[in-house]
N, C-alpha and C. Protein backbone atom coordinates (compact mmCIF):
# COMPACT_ATOMS: atom_id res chain seq x y z
N MET A 1 -17.93 26.41 67.58
CA MET A 1 -18.95 27.28 67.00
C MET A 1 -18.94 28.62 67.70
N SER A 2 -19.02 29.69 66.93
CA SER A 2 -19.09 31.03 67.49
C SER A 2 -20.45 31.26 68.13
N SER A 3 -20.62 32.41 68.69
CA SER A 3 -21.88 32.72 69.35
C SER A 3 -23.02 32.88 68.36
N THR A 4 -24.21 32.76 68.87
CA THR A 4 -25.40 32.93 68.04
C THR A 4 -25.55 34.37 67.60
N ASN A 5 -25.23 35.31 68.49
CA ASN A 5 -25.39 36.73 68.20
C ASN A 5 -24.04 37.43 68.15
N LYS A 6 -23.99 38.57 67.45
CA LYS A 6 -22.79 39.40 67.34
C LYS A 6 -23.16 40.85 67.63
N THR A 7 -22.18 41.59 68.17
CA THR A 7 -22.43 43.01 68.42
C THR A 7 -22.49 43.75 67.09
N GLU A 8 -23.20 44.86 67.07
CA GLU A 8 -23.44 45.61 65.84
C GLU A 8 -22.17 46.26 65.27
N ASN A 9 -21.35 46.89 66.12
CA ASN A 9 -20.23 47.68 65.62
C ASN A 9 -18.96 46.89 65.33
N TYR A 10 -18.63 45.93 66.19
CA TYR A 10 -17.35 45.23 66.04
C TYR A 10 -17.51 43.72 65.82
N ASN A 11 -18.74 43.28 65.66
CA ASN A 11 -18.99 41.88 65.39
C ASN A 11 -18.43 40.96 66.48
N LEU A 12 -18.50 41.40 67.73
CA LEU A 12 -18.02 40.60 68.86
C LEU A 12 -19.07 39.57 69.25
N ASN A 13 -18.61 38.50 69.84
CA ASN A 13 -19.50 37.41 70.25
C ASN A 13 -20.44 37.83 71.37
N GLN A 14 -21.69 37.40 71.25
CA GLN A 14 -22.70 37.53 72.29
C GLN A 14 -23.42 36.19 72.37
N TRP A 15 -23.04 35.42 73.38
CA TRP A 15 -23.55 34.06 73.50
C TRP A 15 -24.94 34.02 74.12
N VAL A 16 -25.65 33.00 73.75
CA VAL A 16 -26.92 32.65 74.41
C VAL A 16 -26.65 31.37 75.19
N SER A 17 -27.56 30.98 76.04
CA SER A 17 -27.32 29.84 76.95
C SER A 17 -27.06 28.52 76.23
N THR A 18 -27.49 28.38 75.01
CA THR A 18 -27.27 27.11 74.29
C THR A 18 -25.98 27.10 73.47
N ASP A 19 -25.25 28.22 73.40
CA ASP A 19 -24.00 28.29 72.64
C ASP A 19 -22.87 27.60 73.39
N PHE A 20 -21.96 27.03 72.63
CA PHE A 20 -20.76 26.42 73.19
C PHE A 20 -19.67 27.49 73.15
N VAL A 21 -19.17 27.92 74.31
CA VAL A 21 -18.19 28.99 74.39
C VAL A 21 -16.79 28.41 74.16
N MET A 22 -16.03 29.05 73.26
CA MET A 22 -14.69 28.56 72.94
C MET A 22 -13.65 29.67 73.17
N MET A 23 -12.45 29.26 73.60
CA MET A 23 -11.38 30.21 73.85
C MET A 23 -11.03 30.98 72.57
N SER A 24 -11.08 30.35 71.43
CA SER A 24 -10.75 31.02 70.16
C SER A 24 -11.69 32.20 69.91
N ASP A 25 -12.95 32.09 70.36
CA ASP A 25 -13.89 33.21 70.22
C ASP A 25 -13.44 34.40 71.08
N PHE A 26 -13.02 34.12 72.31
CA PHE A 26 -12.52 35.19 73.18
C PHE A 26 -11.28 35.84 72.57
N ASN A 27 -10.36 35.03 72.07
CA ASN A 27 -9.14 35.56 71.46
C ASN A 27 -9.45 36.43 70.25
N ALA A 28 -10.39 35.99 69.42
CA ALA A 28 -10.78 36.78 68.25
C ALA A 28 -11.40 38.11 68.68
N ASP A 29 -12.23 38.07 69.72
CA ASP A 29 -12.84 39.31 70.22
C ASP A 29 -11.78 40.26 70.76
N ASN A 30 -10.84 39.72 71.54
CA ASN A 30 -9.77 40.57 72.08
C ASN A 30 -8.94 41.20 70.97
N ALA A 31 -8.64 40.45 69.92
CA ALA A 31 -7.88 40.99 68.80
C ALA A 31 -8.66 42.11 68.10
N ALA A 32 -9.97 41.93 67.94
CA ALA A 32 -10.80 42.95 67.31
C ALA A 32 -10.85 44.22 68.16
N ILE A 33 -10.97 44.07 69.46
CA ILE A 33 -10.99 45.23 70.37
C ILE A 33 -9.65 45.94 70.33
N ASP A 34 -8.55 45.19 70.36
CA ASP A 34 -7.22 45.78 70.33
C ASP A 34 -7.02 46.60 69.05
N GLU A 35 -7.41 46.05 67.93
CA GLU A 35 -7.27 46.76 66.66
C GLU A 35 -8.12 48.02 66.63
N ALA A 36 -9.34 47.93 67.11
CA ALA A 36 -10.23 49.09 67.12
C ALA A 36 -9.68 50.21 68.00
N LEU A 37 -9.12 49.86 69.14
CA LEU A 37 -8.58 50.88 70.05
C LEU A 37 -7.29 51.50 69.53
N SER A 38 -6.53 50.76 68.73
CA SER A 38 -5.25 51.29 68.24
C SER A 38 -5.45 52.41 67.23
N ASP A 39 -6.60 52.50 66.63
CA ASP A 39 -6.86 53.52 65.62
C ASP A 39 -7.47 54.79 66.21
N LYS A 40 -7.61 54.87 67.50
CA LYS A 40 -8.25 56.03 68.11
C LYS A 40 -7.27 57.19 68.23
N ALA A 41 -7.80 58.38 68.27
CA ALA A 41 -7.00 59.58 68.36
C ALA A 41 -6.39 59.73 69.76
N ASN A 42 -5.24 60.37 69.79
CA ASN A 42 -4.59 60.72 71.04
C ASN A 42 -4.76 62.22 71.26
N ILE A 43 -4.85 62.60 72.50
CA ILE A 43 -4.93 64.02 72.84
C ILE A 43 -4.11 64.25 74.10
N CYS A 44 -3.43 65.36 74.14
CA CYS A 44 -2.70 65.72 75.36
C CYS A 44 -2.69 67.24 75.49
N SER A 45 -2.44 67.69 76.68
CA SER A 45 -2.32 69.12 76.93
C SER A 45 -1.19 69.35 77.92
N GLY A 46 -0.71 70.55 77.94
CA GLY A 46 0.38 70.88 78.86
C GLY A 46 0.64 72.38 78.84
N THR A 47 1.70 72.76 79.49
CA THR A 47 2.10 74.16 79.54
C THR A 47 3.61 74.28 79.34
N TYR A 48 4.05 75.46 78.97
CA TYR A 48 5.46 75.80 78.97
C TYR A 48 5.60 77.26 79.40
N THR A 49 6.77 77.62 79.88
CA THR A 49 7.04 78.98 80.31
C THR A 49 7.97 79.64 79.31
N GLY A 50 7.60 80.83 78.86
CA GLY A 50 8.38 81.55 77.87
C GLY A 50 9.78 81.88 78.37
N THR A 51 10.73 81.82 77.45
CA THR A 51 12.14 82.09 77.78
C THR A 51 12.58 83.49 77.36
N GLY A 52 11.76 84.19 76.60
CA GLY A 52 12.11 85.54 76.16
C GLY A 52 12.95 85.56 74.89
N THR A 53 13.17 84.41 74.28
CA THR A 53 13.95 84.37 73.04
C THR A 53 13.02 84.23 71.85
N ALA A 54 13.55 84.53 70.66
CA ALA A 54 12.73 84.45 69.45
C ALA A 54 13.62 84.25 68.23
N GLY A 55 12.97 83.95 67.12
CA GLY A 55 13.66 83.80 65.85
C GLY A 55 14.00 82.36 65.54
N SER A 56 14.50 82.13 64.32
CA SER A 56 14.77 80.78 63.85
C SER A 56 15.84 80.07 64.67
N ALA A 57 16.74 80.81 65.29
CA ALA A 57 17.78 80.19 66.13
C ALA A 57 17.26 79.82 67.51
N ASN A 58 16.06 80.29 67.87
CA ASN A 58 15.49 80.05 69.20
C ASN A 58 14.03 79.62 69.12
N PRO A 59 13.74 78.52 68.43
CA PRO A 59 12.34 78.12 68.32
C PRO A 59 11.80 77.57 69.64
N VAL A 60 10.49 77.61 69.78
CA VAL A 60 9.82 76.90 70.87
C VAL A 60 9.64 75.48 70.38
N SER A 61 10.06 74.49 71.18
CA SER A 61 9.96 73.09 70.78
C SER A 61 9.10 72.31 71.76
N LEU A 62 8.23 71.49 71.24
CA LEU A 62 7.36 70.63 72.05
C LEU A 62 7.50 69.20 71.55
N ASN A 63 7.45 68.24 72.45
CA ASN A 63 7.51 66.82 72.09
C ASN A 63 6.32 66.09 72.66
N PHE A 64 5.83 65.12 71.90
CA PHE A 64 4.64 64.37 72.26
C PHE A 64 4.92 62.88 72.19
N SER A 65 4.05 62.07 72.74
CA SER A 65 4.21 60.62 72.68
C SER A 65 3.51 60.04 71.46
N PHE A 66 3.01 60.89 70.57
CA PHE A 66 2.33 60.49 69.35
C PHE A 66 2.59 61.55 68.29
N ASN A 67 2.19 61.27 67.07
CA ASN A 67 2.35 62.24 65.98
C ASN A 67 1.18 63.21 66.00
N PRO A 68 1.38 64.45 66.41
CA PRO A 68 0.26 65.39 66.44
C PRO A 68 -0.18 65.78 65.03
N ALA A 69 -1.48 65.96 64.85
CA ALA A 69 -2.03 66.41 63.57
C ALA A 69 -2.42 67.87 63.65
N ILE A 70 -2.81 68.31 64.84
CA ILE A 70 -3.18 69.71 65.05
C ILE A 70 -2.76 70.11 66.46
N ILE A 71 -2.22 71.32 66.58
CA ILE A 71 -1.78 71.84 67.87
C ILE A 71 -2.34 73.24 68.04
N ALA A 72 -2.88 73.51 69.20
CA ALA A 72 -3.36 74.85 69.55
C ALA A 72 -2.56 75.33 70.76
N ILE A 73 -2.10 76.58 70.70
CA ILE A 73 -1.32 77.17 71.80
C ILE A 73 -1.99 78.47 72.21
N THR A 74 -2.21 78.62 73.52
CA THR A 74 -2.83 79.83 74.03
C THR A 74 -1.90 80.53 75.01
N GLY A 75 -2.07 81.84 75.09
CA GLY A 75 -1.28 82.62 76.02
C GLY A 75 -1.14 84.04 75.52
N PRO A 76 -0.32 84.84 76.20
CA PRO A 76 -0.15 86.23 75.77
C PRO A 76 0.64 86.31 74.46
N GLY A 77 0.10 87.05 73.52
CA GLY A 77 0.77 87.24 72.24
C GLY A 77 0.39 88.58 71.68
N GLY A 78 0.83 88.84 70.47
CA GLY A 78 0.50 90.09 69.81
C GLY A 78 1.74 90.90 69.51
N LYS A 79 1.50 92.12 69.13
CA LYS A 79 2.58 93.04 68.82
C LYS A 79 3.08 93.70 70.10
N THR A 80 4.34 94.09 70.12
CA THR A 80 4.94 94.72 71.29
C THR A 80 4.08 95.88 71.77
N GLY A 81 3.81 95.89 73.08
CA GLY A 81 3.02 96.97 73.67
C GLY A 81 1.52 96.72 73.65
N GLU A 82 1.08 95.68 72.97
CA GLU A 82 -0.36 95.41 72.87
C GLU A 82 -0.64 93.92 73.06
N ALA A 83 -0.10 93.35 74.12
CA ALA A 83 -0.29 91.92 74.36
C ALA A 83 -1.69 91.62 74.86
N HIS A 84 -2.22 90.50 74.42
CA HIS A 84 -3.49 89.97 74.92
C HIS A 84 -3.52 88.47 74.65
N GLU A 85 -4.50 87.79 75.23
CA GLU A 85 -4.60 86.34 75.06
C GLU A 85 -4.92 86.01 73.61
N VAL A 86 -4.19 85.06 73.07
CA VAL A 86 -4.41 84.63 71.70
C VAL A 86 -4.44 83.10 71.65
N CYS A 87 -4.82 82.55 70.52
CA CYS A 87 -4.79 81.11 70.31
C CYS A 87 -4.22 80.86 68.91
N ALA A 88 -3.01 80.31 68.87
CA ALA A 88 -2.38 79.97 67.60
C ALA A 88 -2.73 78.55 67.24
N VAL A 89 -2.89 78.28 65.96
CA VAL A 89 -3.23 76.95 65.49
C VAL A 89 -2.21 76.52 64.44
N PHE A 90 -1.77 75.26 64.57
CA PHE A 90 -0.82 74.66 63.64
C PHE A 90 -1.40 73.34 63.15
N ILE A 91 -1.31 73.09 61.84
CA ILE A 91 -1.83 71.87 61.24
C ILE A 91 -0.69 71.12 60.58
N ARG A 92 -0.59 69.84 60.88
CA ARG A 92 0.50 68.99 60.39
C ARG A 92 0.69 69.14 58.88
N ASN A 93 1.94 69.08 58.48
CA ASN A 93 2.38 69.19 57.08
C ASN A 93 2.29 70.60 56.51
N HIS A 94 1.92 71.58 57.33
CA HIS A 94 1.99 72.97 56.92
C HIS A 94 3.27 73.55 57.52
N THR A 95 3.89 74.48 56.82
CA THR A 95 5.14 75.08 57.29
C THR A 95 4.91 76.36 58.08
N ALA A 96 3.67 76.71 58.28
CA ALA A 96 3.37 77.90 59.08
C ALA A 96 2.01 77.73 59.75
N GLY A 97 1.86 78.40 60.87
CA GLY A 97 0.60 78.48 61.59
C GLY A 97 0.46 79.92 62.02
N GLY A 98 -0.47 80.20 62.90
CA GLY A 98 -0.55 81.57 63.35
C GLY A 98 -1.80 81.89 64.13
N TYR A 99 -1.98 83.19 64.33
CA TYR A 99 -3.11 83.70 65.09
C TYR A 99 -3.41 85.11 64.65
N THR A 100 -4.55 85.60 65.05
CA THR A 100 -4.95 86.97 64.74
C THR A 100 -4.84 87.80 66.00
N THR A 101 -4.31 89.01 65.87
CA THR A 101 -4.18 89.93 66.99
C THR A 101 -4.62 91.31 66.55
N VAL A 102 -4.59 92.26 67.46
CA VAL A 102 -4.98 93.63 67.15
C VAL A 102 -3.82 94.55 67.49
N LYS A 103 -3.47 95.44 66.56
CA LYS A 103 -2.43 96.45 66.76
C LYS A 103 -3.00 97.77 66.29
N ASP A 104 -3.01 98.76 67.17
CA ASP A 104 -3.56 100.09 66.85
C ASP A 104 -4.99 100.00 66.31
N GLY A 105 -5.78 99.10 66.91
CA GLY A 105 -7.18 98.96 66.53
C GLY A 105 -7.41 98.19 65.24
N GLN A 106 -6.37 97.67 64.62
CA GLN A 106 -6.49 96.93 63.37
C GLN A 106 -6.15 95.46 63.58
N ALA A 107 -6.97 94.57 63.01
CA ALA A 107 -6.69 93.14 63.09
C ALA A 107 -5.47 92.81 62.23
N GLN A 108 -4.59 91.99 62.78
CA GLN A 108 -3.39 91.57 62.05
C GLN A 108 -3.19 90.08 62.22
N CYS A 109 -2.77 89.44 61.14
CA CYS A 109 -2.44 88.02 61.18
C CYS A 109 -0.97 87.89 61.54
N ILE A 110 -0.68 87.07 62.52
CA ILE A 110 0.69 86.76 62.90
C ILE A 110 1.00 85.37 62.39
N GLU A 111 1.97 85.27 61.50
CA GLU A 111 2.37 83.98 60.96
C GLU A 111 3.61 83.49 61.68
N LEU A 112 3.57 82.24 62.10
CA LEU A 112 4.69 81.61 62.78
C LEU A 112 5.18 80.43 61.94
N ALA A 113 6.46 80.44 61.61
CA ALA A 113 7.04 79.32 60.86
C ALA A 113 7.07 78.10 61.78
N CYS A 114 6.86 76.91 61.22
CA CYS A 114 6.88 75.72 62.06
C CYS A 114 7.47 74.54 61.30
N SER A 115 7.91 73.54 62.06
CA SER A 115 8.40 72.30 61.46
C SER A 115 7.92 71.13 62.31
N TRP A 116 7.72 70.01 61.64
CA TRP A 116 7.20 68.79 62.24
C TRP A 116 8.24 67.70 62.05
N ASN A 117 8.54 66.97 63.12
CA ASN A 117 9.53 65.91 63.05
C ASN A 117 9.02 64.71 63.85
N GLY A 118 8.20 63.87 63.23
CA GLY A 118 7.63 62.73 63.96
C GLY A 118 6.79 63.21 65.12
N THR A 119 7.25 62.94 66.33
CA THR A 119 6.51 63.35 67.52
C THR A 119 6.95 64.72 68.02
N GLY A 120 7.90 65.34 67.34
CA GLY A 120 8.39 66.66 67.74
C GLY A 120 7.81 67.76 66.87
N PHE A 121 7.76 68.96 67.43
CA PHE A 121 7.19 70.12 66.75
C PHE A 121 7.92 71.36 67.25
N SER A 122 8.23 72.29 66.36
CA SER A 122 8.83 73.56 66.80
C SER A 122 8.28 74.69 65.93
N PHE A 123 8.32 75.89 66.50
CA PHE A 123 7.84 77.07 65.77
C PHE A 123 8.61 78.31 66.22
N TYR A 124 8.59 79.33 65.35
CA TYR A 124 9.26 80.58 65.69
C TYR A 124 8.67 81.73 64.90
N SER A 125 8.94 82.92 65.39
CA SER A 125 8.48 84.15 64.74
C SER A 125 9.57 84.63 63.79
N THR A 126 9.18 84.95 62.57
CA THR A 126 10.14 85.50 61.62
C THR A 126 10.41 86.98 61.93
N ASP A 127 9.61 87.55 62.84
CA ASP A 127 9.77 88.96 63.24
C ASP A 127 10.73 89.10 64.42
N SER A 128 11.19 87.99 64.99
CA SER A 128 12.12 87.97 66.13
C SER A 128 11.59 88.67 67.37
N SER A 129 10.28 88.62 67.56
CA SER A 129 9.67 89.16 68.77
C SER A 129 9.24 88.00 69.66
N ALA A 130 9.75 87.95 70.90
CA ALA A 130 9.39 86.87 71.81
C ALA A 130 7.89 86.87 72.11
N LEU A 131 7.30 88.04 72.25
CA LEU A 131 5.86 88.13 72.49
C LEU A 131 5.10 87.58 71.30
N GLU A 132 5.48 88.00 70.12
CA GLU A 132 4.82 87.53 68.91
C GLU A 132 5.01 86.02 68.72
N GLN A 133 6.15 85.50 69.17
CA GLN A 133 6.48 84.07 69.03
C GLN A 133 5.80 83.23 70.11
N LEU A 134 5.03 83.83 70.98
CA LEU A 134 4.39 83.12 72.10
C LEU A 134 5.47 82.52 73.00
N ASN A 135 6.45 83.36 73.34
CA ASN A 135 7.58 82.94 74.16
C ASN A 135 8.09 84.09 75.04
N ALA A 136 7.17 84.95 75.48
CA ALA A 136 7.55 86.10 76.31
C ALA A 136 8.13 85.61 77.64
N GLN A 137 9.17 86.25 78.08
CA GLN A 137 9.90 85.87 79.30
C GLN A 137 8.96 85.69 80.49
N GLY A 138 8.98 84.48 81.08
CA GLY A 138 8.23 84.20 82.30
C GLY A 138 6.74 83.99 82.13
N GLU A 139 6.23 84.16 80.94
CA GLU A 139 4.79 83.99 80.71
C GLU A 139 4.45 82.51 80.55
N SER A 140 3.25 82.14 80.99
CA SER A 140 2.80 80.75 80.89
C SER A 140 1.92 80.58 79.66
N TYR A 141 2.21 79.54 78.90
CA TYR A 141 1.46 79.21 77.69
C TYR A 141 0.89 77.81 77.82
N GLY A 142 -0.31 77.62 77.34
CA GLY A 142 -0.95 76.31 77.36
C GLY A 142 -1.05 75.77 75.95
N TYR A 143 -1.01 74.46 75.83
CA TYR A 143 -1.16 73.85 74.51
C TYR A 143 -2.01 72.59 74.60
N ALA A 144 -2.62 72.25 73.48
CA ALA A 144 -3.35 71.00 73.32
C ALA A 144 -2.99 70.44 71.96
N ALA A 145 -2.78 69.13 71.91
CA ALA A 145 -2.43 68.48 70.65
C ALA A 145 -3.35 67.29 70.43
N LEU A 146 -3.70 67.08 69.18
CA LEU A 146 -4.56 65.97 68.78
C LEU A 146 -3.87 65.24 67.65
N GLY A 147 -3.81 63.93 67.73
CA GLY A 147 -3.16 63.16 66.68
C GLY A 147 -3.38 61.68 66.86
N VAL A 148 -2.59 60.90 66.13
CA VAL A 148 -2.68 59.44 66.22
C VAL A 148 -1.32 58.84 66.51
């Protein structure tokens, strides 16, 4: 016999003193917990150092231990001569991401081409500018990825 009471969210056993505790109840609870935890989101963060290269032949590539659904990258970006901190956003199954920057006092959208390959991700600037591609020589960039 299972427990008299069950938890609200996962229907796990909660015994009272008169219940007969059985190993099968523990096994069922463990299976339910394992399944519930397997559906949770993964998140990771890290950094990379810019190489100074740009364009489709020199993409920035990142690899994860899960399939990312959204990736944010921060660091120096913008148009040549007007670098400042930016945050680019990429969403899975889109072929481009980007960020907004300012050039000569005007807001500009920077679009970065991207590709998704399972746990891998790469992006590049179609303008062939390392700064615009978030890959300026020696600069540090941070990223965060969220997925399952």
